[in-house]
C-alpha atoms as a PDB file:
ATOM      1  CA  UNK A   1      22.572  -4.176 -70.605  1.00  0.00           C
ATOM      2  CA  UNK A   2      19.172  -5.265 -71.797  1.00  0.00           C
ATOM      3  CA  UNK A   3      17.656  -3.508 -68.999  1.00  0.00           C
ATOM      4  CA  UNK A   4      19.671  -0.207 -69.587  1.00  0.00           C
ATOM      5  CA  UNK A   5      18.387   0.537 -73.097  1.00  0.00           C
ATOM      6  CA  UNK A   6      14.564   0.666 -72.161  1.00  0.00           C
ATOM      7  CA  UNK A   7      15.387   2.876 -69.087  1.00  0.00           C
ATOM      8  CA  UNK A   8      17.297   5.245 -71.261  1.00  0.00           C
ATOM      9  CA  UNK A   9      14.373   5.399 -73.819  1.00  0.00           C
ATOM     10  CA  UNK A  10      11.835   5.945 -70.983  1.00  0.00           C
ATOM     11  CA  UNK A  11      13.881   8.489 -68.899  1.00  0.00           C
ATOM     12  CA  UNK A  12      15.685  10.060 -71.830  1.00  0.00           C
ATOM     13  CA  UNK A  13      12.734  11.810 -73.450  1.00  0.00           C
ATOM     14  CA  UNK A  14      11.473  13.530 -70.180  1.00  0.00           C
ATOM     15  CA  UNK A  15      15.095  14.726 -69.550  1.00  0.00           C
ATOM     16  CA  UNK A  16      15.536  16.075 -73.060  1.00  0.00           C
ATOM     17  CA  UNK A  17      12.163  17.993 -72.774  1.00  0.00           C
ATOM     18  CA  UNK A  18      13.107  19.361 -69.231  1.00  0.00           C
ATOM     19  CA  UNK A  19      16.353  20.640 -70.400  1.00  0.00           C
ATOM     20  CA  UNK A  20      14.819  22.342 -73.490  1.00  0.00           C
ATOM     21  CA  UNK A  21      12.160  24.160 -71.252  1.00  0.00           C
ATOM     22  CA  UNK A  22      14.713  25.079 -68.893  1.00  0.00           C
ATOM     23  CA  UNK A  23      16.841  26.664 -71.647  1.00  0.00           C
ATOM     24  CA  UNK A  24      13.745  28.604 -72.878  1.00  0.00           C
ATOM     25  CA  UNK A  25      12.829  29.868 -69.436  1.00  0.00           C
ATOM     26  CA  UNK A  26      16.341  30.895 -68.890  1.00  0.00           C
ATOM     27  CA  UNK A  27      16.306  33.106 -72.080  1.00  0.00           C
ATOM     28  CA  UNK A  28      13.046  34.670 -70.810  1.00  0.00           C
ATOM     29  CA  UNK A  29      14.410  35.221 -67.311  1.00  0.00           C
ATOM     30  CA  UNK A  30      17.439  37.031 -68.999  1.00  0.00           C
ATOM     31  CA  UNK A  31      14.975  39.533 -70.538  1.00  0.00           C
ATOM     32  CA  UNK A  32      13.154  40.045 -67.207  1.00  0.00           C
ATOM     33  CA  UNK A  33      16.496  40.795 -65.541  1.00  0.00           C
ATOM     34  CA  UNK A  34      17.441  43.245 -68.083  1.00  0.00           C
ATOM     35  CA  UNK A  35      14.035  44.955 -67.941  1.00  0.00           C
ATOM     36  CA  UNK A  36      14.242  45.241 -64.211  1.00  0.00           C
ATOM     37  CA  UNK A  37      17.726  46.682 -64.427  1.00  0.00           C
ATOM     38  CA  UNK A  38      16.719  49.256 -66.976  1.00  0.00           C
ATOM     39  CA  UNK A  39      13.607  50.146 -64.891  1.00  0.00           C
ATOM     40  CA  UNK A  40      15.029  52.789 -62.408  1.00  0.00           C
ATOM     41  CA  UNK A  41      16.588  54.665 -65.624  1.00  0.00           C
ATOM     42  CA  UNK A  42      13.075  54.745 -67.346  1.00  0.00           C
ATOM     43  CA  UNK A  43      11.503  56.008 -64.055  1.00  0.00           C
ATOM     44  CA  UNK A  44      13.925  59.006 -63.688  1.00  0.00           C
ATOM     45  CA  UNK A  45      12.809  60.163 -67.323  1.00  0.00           C
END
């Protein structure tokens, strides 16, 4: 048990940062997908 707590403190922070960045990238990718889907309609105009 004494070895688990330092491991979590060392590995937990990078995991949290990675999940946060993946969430931010996902929201930006949703905006890109929406833009690409509306592009044909805008090109027809």
